[in-house]
N, C-alpha and C. Protein backbone atom coordinates (compact mmCIF):
# COMPACT_ATOMS: atom_id res chain seq x y z
N UNK A 1 7.73 -22.63 -7.71
CA UNK A 1 8.78 -22.12 -6.84
C UNK A 1 9.71 -21.21 -7.65
N UNK A 2 9.98 -20.02 -7.12
CA UNK A 2 10.84 -19.10 -7.85
C UNK A 2 12.31 -19.35 -7.52
N UNK A 3 13.16 -18.98 -8.47
CA UNK A 3 14.60 -19.12 -8.26
C UNK A 3 15.19 -17.74 -7.99
N UNK A 4 16.46 -17.69 -7.65
CA UNK A 4 17.11 -16.43 -7.25
C UNK A 4 17.05 -15.35 -8.32
N UNK A 5 16.99 -15.75 -9.58
CA UNK A 5 16.97 -14.75 -10.65
C UNK A 5 15.54 -14.37 -11.05
N UNK A 6 14.59 -14.60 -10.14
CA UNK A 6 13.19 -14.24 -10.37
C UNK A 6 12.67 -13.47 -9.16
N UNK A 7 11.75 -12.54 -9.41
CA UNK A 7 11.13 -11.81 -8.31
C UNK A 7 9.65 -11.59 -8.60
N UNK A 8 8.89 -11.46 -7.53
CA UNK A 8 7.48 -11.12 -7.63
C UNK A 8 7.35 -9.59 -7.61
N UNK A 9 6.33 -9.04 -8.25
CA UNK A 9 6.13 -7.59 -8.21
C UNK A 9 6.04 -7.04 -6.78
N UNK A 10 5.45 -7.78 -5.88
CA UNK A 10 5.30 -7.31 -4.50
C UNK A 10 6.63 -7.11 -3.79
N UNK A 11 7.69 -7.75 -4.26
CA UNK A 11 9.00 -7.62 -3.62
C UNK A 11 9.67 -6.28 -3.90
N UNK A 12 9.23 -5.58 -4.94
CA UNK A 12 9.87 -4.31 -5.28
C UNK A 12 8.94 -3.12 -5.19
N UNK A 13 7.68 -3.35 -4.85
CA UNK A 13 6.70 -2.27 -4.77
C UNK A 13 7.15 -1.16 -3.82
N UNK A 14 6.88 0.09 -4.21
CA UNK A 14 7.24 1.25 -3.40
C UNK A 14 6.00 2.11 -3.18
N UNK A 15 5.80 2.53 -1.95
CA UNK A 15 4.75 3.50 -1.64
C UNK A 15 5.44 4.67 -0.94
N UNK A 16 5.36 5.82 -1.56
CA UNK A 16 6.01 7.04 -1.07
C UNK A 16 4.92 8.05 -0.70
N UNK A 17 5.16 8.86 0.31
CA UNK A 17 4.20 9.88 0.69
C UNK A 17 4.88 11.24 0.74
N UNK A 18 4.15 12.26 0.32
CA UNK A 18 4.62 13.64 0.35
C UNK A 18 3.46 14.51 0.83
N UNK A 19 3.78 15.71 1.29
CA UNK A 19 2.76 16.70 1.57
C UNK A 19 3.06 17.91 0.69
N UNK A 20 2.03 18.50 0.10
CA UNK A 20 2.22 19.63 -0.79
C UNK A 20 2.40 20.90 0.03
N UNK A 21 3.59 21.48 -0.06
CA UNK A 21 3.94 22.69 0.66
C UNK A 21 3.90 23.88 -0.31
N UNK A 22 3.88 25.10 0.24
CA UNK A 22 3.81 26.28 -0.65
C UNK A 22 4.88 26.31 -1.73
N UNK A 23 6.09 25.87 -1.42
CA UNK A 23 7.18 25.88 -2.41
C UNK A 23 7.00 24.88 -3.54
N UNK A 24 6.04 23.97 -3.40
CA UNK A 24 5.76 22.97 -4.43
C UNK A 24 4.71 23.43 -5.43
N UNK A 25 4.11 24.61 -5.17
CA UNK A 25 2.92 25.01 -5.93
C UNK A 25 3.17 26.15 -6.91
N UNK A 26 2.19 26.30 -7.80
CA UNK A 26 2.19 27.39 -8.78
C UNK A 26 1.25 28.51 -8.31
N UNK A 27 0.98 29.46 -9.17
CA UNK A 27 0.12 30.61 -8.81
C UNK A 27 -1.33 30.20 -8.56
N UNK A 28 -1.71 28.98 -8.95
CA UNK A 28 -3.07 28.50 -8.73
C UNK A 28 -3.23 27.76 -7.41
N UNK A 29 -2.12 27.61 -6.67
CA UNK A 29 -2.18 26.89 -5.41
C UNK A 29 -2.20 25.38 -5.58
N UNK A 30 -1.81 24.93 -6.77
CA UNK A 30 -1.72 23.49 -7.02
C UNK A 30 -0.26 23.13 -7.31
N UNK A 31 0.06 21.87 -7.13
CA UNK A 31 1.45 21.44 -7.28
C UNK A 31 1.90 21.56 -8.74
N UNK A 32 3.15 21.96 -8.94
CA UNK A 32 3.76 22.01 -10.26
C UNK A 32 3.80 20.59 -10.86
N UNK A 33 3.49 20.48 -12.15
CA UNK A 33 3.57 19.19 -12.82
C UNK A 33 4.96 18.59 -12.75
N UNK A 34 5.98 19.45 -12.83
CA UNK A 34 7.36 18.97 -12.76
C UNK A 34 7.70 18.36 -11.41
N UNK A 35 7.09 18.87 -10.36
CA UNK A 35 7.30 18.32 -9.02
C UNK A 35 6.70 16.91 -8.95
N UNK A 36 5.50 16.76 -9.50
CA UNK A 36 4.86 15.45 -9.53
C UNK A 36 5.70 14.48 -10.36
N UNK A 37 6.23 14.96 -11.49
CA UNK A 37 7.09 14.11 -12.32
C UNK A 37 8.34 13.67 -11.56
N UNK A 38 8.88 14.56 -10.76
CA UNK A 38 10.06 14.22 -9.96
C UNK A 38 9.72 13.13 -8.95
N UNK A 39 8.60 13.27 -8.26
CA UNK A 39 8.18 12.24 -7.29
C UNK A 39 7.97 10.90 -7.99
N UNK A 40 7.36 10.94 -9.17
CA UNK A 40 7.12 9.71 -9.94
C UNK A 40 8.45 9.05 -10.30
N UNK A 41 9.41 9.84 -10.79
CA UNK A 41 10.71 9.29 -11.18
C UNK A 41 11.44 8.69 -9.99
N UNK A 42 11.37 9.34 -8.85
CA UNK A 42 12.04 8.84 -7.64
C UNK A 42 11.43 7.52 -7.20
N UNK A 43 10.10 7.46 -7.12
CA UNK A 43 9.43 6.23 -6.69
C UNK A 43 9.72 5.09 -7.66
N UNK A 44 9.67 5.38 -8.96
CA UNK A 44 9.94 4.35 -9.96
C UNK A 44 11.39 3.86 -9.89
N UNK A 45 12.32 4.78 -9.66
CA UNK A 45 13.73 4.39 -9.54
C UNK A 45 13.95 3.49 -8.33
N UNK A 46 13.29 3.80 -7.22
CA UNK A 46 13.42 2.95 -6.03
C UNK A 46 12.85 1.56 -6.31
N UNK A 47 11.72 1.50 -7.00
CA UNK A 47 11.10 0.22 -7.36
C UNK A 47 12.05 -0.59 -8.25
N UNK A 48 12.60 0.05 -9.26
CA UNK A 48 13.51 -0.63 -10.19
C UNK A 48 14.76 -1.14 -9.47
N UNK A 49 15.36 -0.32 -8.63
CA UNK A 49 16.59 -0.76 -7.95
C UNK A 49 16.30 -1.85 -6.92
N UNK A 50 15.10 -1.82 -6.31
CA UNK A 50 14.73 -2.92 -5.40
C UNK A 50 14.59 -4.23 -6.17
N UNK A 51 14.09 -4.12 -7.40
CA UNK A 51 13.91 -5.34 -8.20
C UNK A 51 15.24 -5.96 -8.61
N UNK A 52 16.17 -5.12 -9.06
CA UNK A 52 17.40 -5.67 -9.65
C UNK A 52 18.62 -5.61 -8.73
N UNK A 53 18.52 -4.87 -7.63
CA UNK A 53 19.64 -4.71 -6.70
C UNK A 53 20.88 -4.13 -7.37
N UNK A 54 20.64 -3.18 -8.28
CA UNK A 54 21.70 -2.47 -8.98
C UNK A 54 21.30 -1.00 -9.11
N UNK A 55 22.26 -0.13 -9.41
CA UNK A 55 21.89 1.24 -9.79
C UNK A 55 21.06 1.19 -11.07
N UNK A 56 20.18 2.16 -11.21
CA UNK A 56 19.32 2.21 -12.40
C UNK A 56 19.27 3.63 -12.95
N UNK A 57 18.91 3.74 -14.23
CA UNK A 57 18.72 5.04 -14.86
C UNK A 57 17.39 5.03 -15.62
N UNK A 58 16.76 6.18 -15.64
CA UNK A 58 15.53 6.35 -16.42
C UNK A 58 15.90 6.45 -17.88
N UNK A 59 15.25 5.64 -18.74
CA UNK A 59 15.52 5.74 -20.17
C UNK A 59 14.30 6.19 -20.96
N UNK A 60 13.13 6.09 -20.34
CA UNK A 60 11.92 6.48 -21.08
C UNK A 60 10.78 6.73 -20.10
N UNK A 61 10.04 7.80 -20.33
CA UNK A 61 8.81 8.04 -19.60
C UNK A 61 7.70 8.02 -20.64
N UNK A 62 6.72 7.18 -20.39
CA UNK A 62 5.68 6.94 -21.37
C UNK A 62 4.32 7.25 -20.78
N UNK A 63 3.51 7.95 -21.52
CA UNK A 63 2.10 8.10 -21.20
C UNK A 63 1.84 8.67 -19.81
N UNK A 64 2.48 9.77 -19.49
CA UNK A 64 2.17 10.42 -18.22
C UNK A 64 0.85 11.17 -18.40
N UNK A 65 -0.05 10.94 -17.50
CA UNK A 65 -1.40 11.50 -17.61
C UNK A 65 -1.75 12.24 -16.32
N UNK A 66 -1.90 13.56 -16.45
CA UNK A 66 -2.33 14.38 -15.32
C UNK A 66 -3.85 14.46 -15.36
N UNK A 67 -4.51 13.81 -14.43
CA UNK A 67 -5.97 13.73 -14.44
C UNK A 67 -6.64 14.86 -13.66
N UNK A 68 -6.02 15.27 -12.57
CA UNK A 68 -6.61 16.35 -11.78
C UNK A 68 -5.52 17.01 -10.95
N UNK A 69 -5.74 18.28 -10.57
CA UNK A 69 -4.71 19.01 -9.81
C UNK A 69 -4.62 18.52 -8.37
N UNK A 70 -3.49 18.81 -7.76
CA UNK A 70 -3.26 18.48 -6.36
C UNK A 70 -3.09 19.80 -5.61
N UNK A 71 -3.95 20.04 -4.64
CA UNK A 71 -3.96 21.32 -3.94
C UNK A 71 -2.92 21.37 -2.82
N UNK A 72 -2.55 22.60 -2.46
CA UNK A 72 -1.63 22.83 -1.35
C UNK A 72 -2.22 22.21 -0.08
N UNK A 73 -1.37 21.61 0.72
CA UNK A 73 -1.79 20.97 1.96
C UNK A 73 -2.23 19.52 1.79
N UNK A 74 -2.40 19.09 0.55
CA UNK A 74 -2.81 17.70 0.31
C UNK A 74 -1.69 16.74 0.67
N UNK A 75 -2.09 15.55 1.06
CA UNK A 75 -1.14 14.45 1.21
C UNK A 75 -1.12 13.73 -0.13
N UNK A 76 0.06 13.37 -0.59
CA UNK A 76 0.21 12.72 -1.89
C UNK A 76 0.79 11.33 -1.65
N UNK A 77 0.15 10.34 -2.27
CA UNK A 77 0.61 8.96 -2.18
C UNK A 77 1.06 8.54 -3.57
N UNK A 78 2.33 8.15 -3.69
CA UNK A 78 2.90 7.73 -4.96
C UNK A 78 3.18 6.23 -4.86
N UNK A 79 2.52 5.45 -5.71
CA UNK A 79 2.66 3.99 -5.68
C UNK A 79 3.34 3.54 -6.96
N UNK A 80 4.46 2.85 -6.82
CA UNK A 80 5.21 2.35 -7.97
C UNK A 80 5.27 0.83 -7.92
N UNK A 81 4.97 0.20 -9.05
CA UNK A 81 5.02 -1.26 -9.09
C UNK A 81 5.65 -1.74 -10.39
N UNK A 82 6.38 -2.83 -10.27
CA UNK A 82 7.05 -3.43 -11.42
C UNK A 82 6.00 -4.10 -12.29
N UNK A 83 5.93 -3.68 -13.55
CA UNK A 83 4.94 -4.25 -14.46
C UNK A 83 5.52 -5.27 -15.42
N UNK A 84 6.80 -5.07 -15.80
CA UNK A 84 7.38 -5.91 -16.85
C UNK A 84 8.90 -5.78 -16.80
N UNK A 85 9.60 -6.84 -17.16
CA UNK A 85 11.06 -6.75 -17.32
C UNK A 85 11.48 -7.41 -18.62
N UNK A 86 12.51 -6.84 -19.21
CA UNK A 86 13.16 -7.44 -20.37
C UNK A 86 14.47 -8.04 -19.90
N UNK A 87 15.50 -7.94 -20.72
CA UNK A 87 16.82 -8.45 -20.31
C UNK A 87 17.51 -7.52 -19.32
N UNK A 88 17.56 -6.23 -19.67
CA UNK A 88 18.23 -5.25 -18.81
C UNK A 88 17.29 -4.11 -18.41
N UNK A 89 16.10 -4.10 -18.99
CA UNK A 89 15.17 -3.00 -18.75
C UNK A 89 13.95 -3.45 -17.95
N UNK A 90 13.31 -2.46 -17.33
CA UNK A 90 12.14 -2.71 -16.48
C UNK A 90 11.12 -1.61 -16.72
N UNK A 91 9.85 -1.98 -16.78
CA UNK A 91 8.77 -1.00 -16.91
C UNK A 91 8.04 -0.94 -15.58
N UNK A 92 7.96 0.27 -15.05
CA UNK A 92 7.32 0.50 -13.76
C UNK A 92 6.09 1.36 -13.98
N UNK A 93 4.97 0.95 -13.42
CA UNK A 93 3.76 1.74 -13.45
C UNK A 93 3.68 2.54 -12.16
N UNK A 94 3.32 3.82 -12.29
CA UNK A 94 3.22 4.68 -11.10
C UNK A 94 1.84 5.32 -11.07
N UNK A 95 1.27 5.30 -9.91
CA UNK A 95 -0.06 5.88 -9.67
C UNK A 95 0.08 6.91 -8.56
N UNK A 96 -0.43 8.12 -8.80
CA UNK A 96 -0.35 9.19 -7.80
C UNK A 96 -1.77 9.51 -7.35
N UNK A 97 -1.95 9.54 -6.04
CA UNK A 97 -3.25 9.87 -5.46
C UNK A 97 -3.09 11.06 -4.52
N UNK A 98 -4.12 11.88 -4.49
CA UNK A 98 -4.15 13.03 -3.58
C UNK A 98 -5.14 12.72 -2.47
N UNK A 99 -4.71 12.93 -1.24
CA UNK A 99 -5.59 12.71 -0.09
C UNK A 99 -5.87 14.03 0.60
N UNK A 100 -7.13 14.26 0.93
CA UNK A 100 -7.50 15.39 1.76
C UNK A 100 -7.45 14.88 3.20
N UNK A 101 -6.50 15.37 4.00
CA UNK A 101 -6.32 14.81 5.34
C UNK A 101 -7.46 15.16 6.30
N UNK A 102 -8.32 16.10 5.94
CA UNK A 102 -9.39 16.53 6.84
C UNK A 102 -10.72 15.88 6.51
N UNK A 103 -10.85 15.38 5.30
CA UNK A 103 -12.12 14.79 4.88
C UNK A 103 -12.03 13.29 4.61
N UNK A 104 -10.85 12.72 4.77
CA UNK A 104 -10.64 11.30 4.51
C UNK A 104 -11.06 10.93 3.08
N UNK A 105 -10.69 11.80 2.12
CA UNK A 105 -11.01 11.58 0.70
C UNK A 105 -9.71 11.37 -0.07
N UNK A 106 -9.79 10.51 -1.06
CA UNK A 106 -8.63 10.22 -1.90
C UNK A 106 -9.08 10.16 -3.36
N UNK A 107 -8.21 10.64 -4.28
CA UNK A 107 -8.54 10.54 -5.70
C UNK A 107 -7.26 10.38 -6.51
N UNK A 108 -7.43 9.69 -7.64
CA UNK A 108 -6.33 9.50 -8.58
C UNK A 108 -6.05 10.83 -9.27
N UNK A 109 -4.77 11.24 -9.30
CA UNK A 109 -4.42 12.50 -9.95
C UNK A 109 -3.51 12.31 -11.16
N UNK A 110 -2.63 11.30 -11.11
CA UNK A 110 -1.63 11.14 -12.17
C UNK A 110 -1.29 9.67 -12.33
N UNK A 111 -1.04 9.27 -13.57
CA UNK A 111 -0.54 7.93 -13.88
C UNK A 111 0.62 8.06 -14.85
N UNK A 112 1.58 7.16 -14.76
CA UNK A 112 2.71 7.19 -15.69
C UNK A 112 3.35 5.81 -15.76
N UNK A 113 4.09 5.61 -16.86
CA UNK A 113 4.86 4.38 -17.05
C UNK A 113 6.28 4.80 -17.40
N UNK A 114 7.24 4.22 -16.69
CA UNK A 114 8.64 4.58 -16.88
C UNK A 114 9.45 3.33 -17.16
N UNK A 115 10.46 3.48 -18.01
CA UNK A 115 11.38 2.38 -18.30
C UNK A 115 12.74 2.73 -17.71
N UNK A 116 13.30 1.78 -17.00
CA UNK A 116 14.63 1.93 -16.39
C UNK A 116 15.53 0.82 -16.89
N UNK A 117 16.82 1.10 -16.89
CA UNK A 117 17.83 0.10 -17.21
C UNK A 117 18.73 -0.05 -16.00
N UNK A 118 19.06 -1.29 -15.67
CA UNK A 118 19.97 -1.59 -14.57
C UNK A 118 21.41 -1.49 -15.07
N UNK A 119 22.29 -0.97 -14.21
CA UNK A 119 23.69 -0.78 -14.58
C UNK A 119 24.62 -1.56 -13.65
N UNK A 120 25.71 -2.05 -14.22
CA UNK A 120 26.74 -2.70 -13.40
C UNK A 120 27.68 -1.64 -12.84
N UNK A 121 28.74 -2.05 -12.18
CA UNK A 121 29.65 -1.10 -11.54
C UNK A 121 30.41 -0.24 -12.54
N UNK A 122 30.42 -0.64 -13.82
CA UNK A 122 31.08 0.14 -14.87
C UNK A 122 30.11 1.00 -15.66
N UNK A 123 28.85 1.03 -15.22
CA UNK A 123 27.85 1.83 -15.91
C UNK A 123 27.29 1.18 -17.17
N UNK A 124 27.49 -0.11 -17.31
CA UNK A 124 26.99 -0.86 -18.48
C UNK A 124 25.71 -1.60 -18.09
N UNK A 125 24.78 -1.76 -19.04
CA UNK A 125 23.54 -2.49 -18.74
C UNK A 125 23.83 -3.90 -18.24
N UNK A 126 23.05 -4.33 -17.27
CA UNK A 126 23.22 -5.65 -16.66
C UNK A 126 21.86 -6.36 -16.64
N UNK A 127 21.90 -7.66 -16.77
CA UNK A 127 20.68 -8.48 -16.78
C UNK A 127 19.92 -8.32 -15.45
N UNK A 128 18.60 -8.28 -15.55
CA UNK A 128 17.76 -8.14 -14.36
C UNK A 128 16.97 -9.43 -14.11
N UNK A 129 16.55 -9.65 -12.86
CA UNK A 129 15.75 -10.85 -12.56
C UNK A 129 14.44 -10.84 -13.34
N UNK A 130 14.00 -12.01 -13.72
CA UNK A 130 12.70 -12.17 -14.38
C UNK A 130 11.59 -11.77 -13.42
N UNK A 131 10.48 -11.32 -13.97
CA UNK A 131 9.33 -10.94 -13.16
C UNK A 131 8.30 -12.06 -13.21
N UNK A 132 7.80 -12.44 -12.04
CA UNK A 132 6.79 -13.49 -11.94
C UNK A 132 5.50 -12.88 -11.40
N UNK A 133 4.60 -12.43 -12.30
CA UNK A 133 3.33 -11.88 -11.82
C UNK A 133 2.48 -12.99 -11.20
N UNK A 134 1.82 -12.68 -10.09
CA UNK A 134 1.03 -13.69 -9.39
C UNK A 134 -0.47 -13.40 -9.44
N UNK A 135 -0.85 -12.19 -9.08
CA UNK A 135 -2.27 -11.85 -9.00
C UNK A 135 -2.82 -11.54 -10.38
N UNK A 136 -4.13 -11.49 -10.49
CA UNK A 136 -4.77 -11.13 -11.76
C UNK A 136 -4.35 -9.72 -12.18
N UNK A 137 -4.29 -8.80 -11.23
CA UNK A 137 -3.87 -7.42 -11.53
C UNK A 137 -2.44 -7.40 -12.05
N UNK A 138 -1.54 -8.13 -11.40
CA UNK A 138 -0.14 -8.18 -11.85
C UNK A 138 -0.03 -8.79 -13.25
N UNK A 139 -0.81 -9.81 -13.52
CA UNK A 139 -0.79 -10.45 -14.84
C UNK A 139 -1.33 -9.49 -15.91
N UNK A 140 -2.39 -8.75 -15.58
CA UNK A 140 -2.95 -7.77 -16.52
C UNK A 140 -1.93 -6.68 -16.81
N UNK A 141 -1.27 -6.17 -15.76
CA UNK A 141 -0.25 -5.14 -15.94
C UNK A 141 0.90 -5.64 -16.80
N UNK A 142 1.30 -6.88 -16.58
CA UNK A 142 2.39 -7.48 -17.36
C UNK A 142 2.02 -7.55 -18.84
N UNK A 143 0.80 -8.03 -19.12
CA UNK A 143 0.33 -8.14 -20.51
C UNK A 143 0.22 -6.76 -21.15
N UNK A 144 -0.32 -5.79 -20.41
CA UNK A 144 -0.42 -4.43 -20.93
C UNK A 144 0.95 -3.84 -21.23
N UNK A 145 1.91 -4.11 -20.36
CA UNK A 145 3.27 -3.60 -20.57
C UNK A 145 3.91 -4.25 -21.79
N UNK A 146 3.63 -5.53 -22.02
CA UNK A 146 4.14 -6.20 -23.23
C UNK A 146 3.61 -5.49 -24.47
N UNK A 147 2.34 -5.11 -24.45
CA UNK A 147 1.75 -4.37 -25.57
C UNK A 147 2.41 -3.00 -25.73
N UNK A 148 2.71 -2.35 -24.60
CA UNK A 148 3.40 -1.06 -24.63
C UNK A 148 4.75 -1.18 -25.32
N UNK A 149 5.51 -2.20 -24.95
CA UNK A 149 6.83 -2.45 -25.54
C UNK A 149 6.69 -2.66 -27.04
N UNK A 150 5.75 -3.51 -27.43
CA UNK A 150 5.53 -3.81 -28.84
C UNK A 150 5.13 -2.55 -29.60
N UNK A 151 4.19 -1.77 -29.06
CA UNK A 151 3.72 -0.54 -29.72
C UNK A 151 4.84 0.48 -29.85
N UNK A 152 5.64 0.62 -28.79
CA UNK A 152 6.73 1.59 -28.83
C UNK A 152 7.77 1.20 -29.88
N UNK A 153 8.08 -0.08 -29.97
CA UNK A 153 9.04 -0.55 -30.99
C UNK A 153 8.51 -0.27 -32.39
N UNK A 154 7.22 -0.53 -32.60
CA UNK A 154 6.62 -0.27 -33.91
C UNK A 154 6.63 1.22 -34.24
N UNK A 155 6.31 2.06 -33.25
CA UNK A 155 6.31 3.51 -33.46
C UNK A 155 7.72 4.00 -33.79
N UNK A 156 8.72 3.56 -33.02
CA UNK A 156 10.10 3.97 -33.30
C UNK A 156 10.53 3.56 -34.69
N UNK A 157 10.17 2.33 -35.09
CA UNK A 157 10.52 1.84 -36.41
C UNK A 157 9.88 2.71 -37.48
N UNK A 158 8.63 3.05 -37.30
CA UNK A 158 7.89 3.87 -38.27
C UNK A 158 8.48 5.28 -38.35
N UNK A 159 8.77 5.88 -37.20
CA UNK A 159 9.31 7.22 -37.17
C UNK A 159 10.71 7.32 -37.75
N UNK A 160 11.50 6.28 -37.59
CA UNK A 160 12.87 6.30 -38.11
C UNK A 160 12.91 6.12 -39.62
N UNK A 161 11.79 5.70 -40.21
CA UNK A 161 11.73 5.55 -41.67
C UNK A 161 11.69 6.93 -42.33
N UNK A 162 11.08 7.91 -41.66
CA UNK A 162 10.91 9.25 -42.25
C UNK A 162 12.18 10.05 -42.22
């Protein structure tokens, strides 16, 4: 049984949809990478604030991977899920898919991991609810995010030595 200071990943999951319009595209007729990054940041921020019920700020974007372009007219599905929480920070995984509305086809286009910090009314970091992964997928994401945190700390430590 969970307590008030705990949440399941499903309680904060966000699914956002967009359509690629001409103003979103480059000279190749595909969406600008910066536009996709904006959608990712928005979806992740909504996921983070749903988890902690506080304002949040992006503190780190990790491992954004553009796998394939998204064409004009495509429907875009942005899925954000809580993968891990620390004391005041949260790691959200975001998956972007492109749908062809005429052929009923969907494909993965972008993946990213973002870290957010929850803020109190004075703009100071505030403790966030613990995350209780339930499904095998949620548990795998949690473990992977723990490795991400550990690797990032080691990398920062190594880089600050130079």
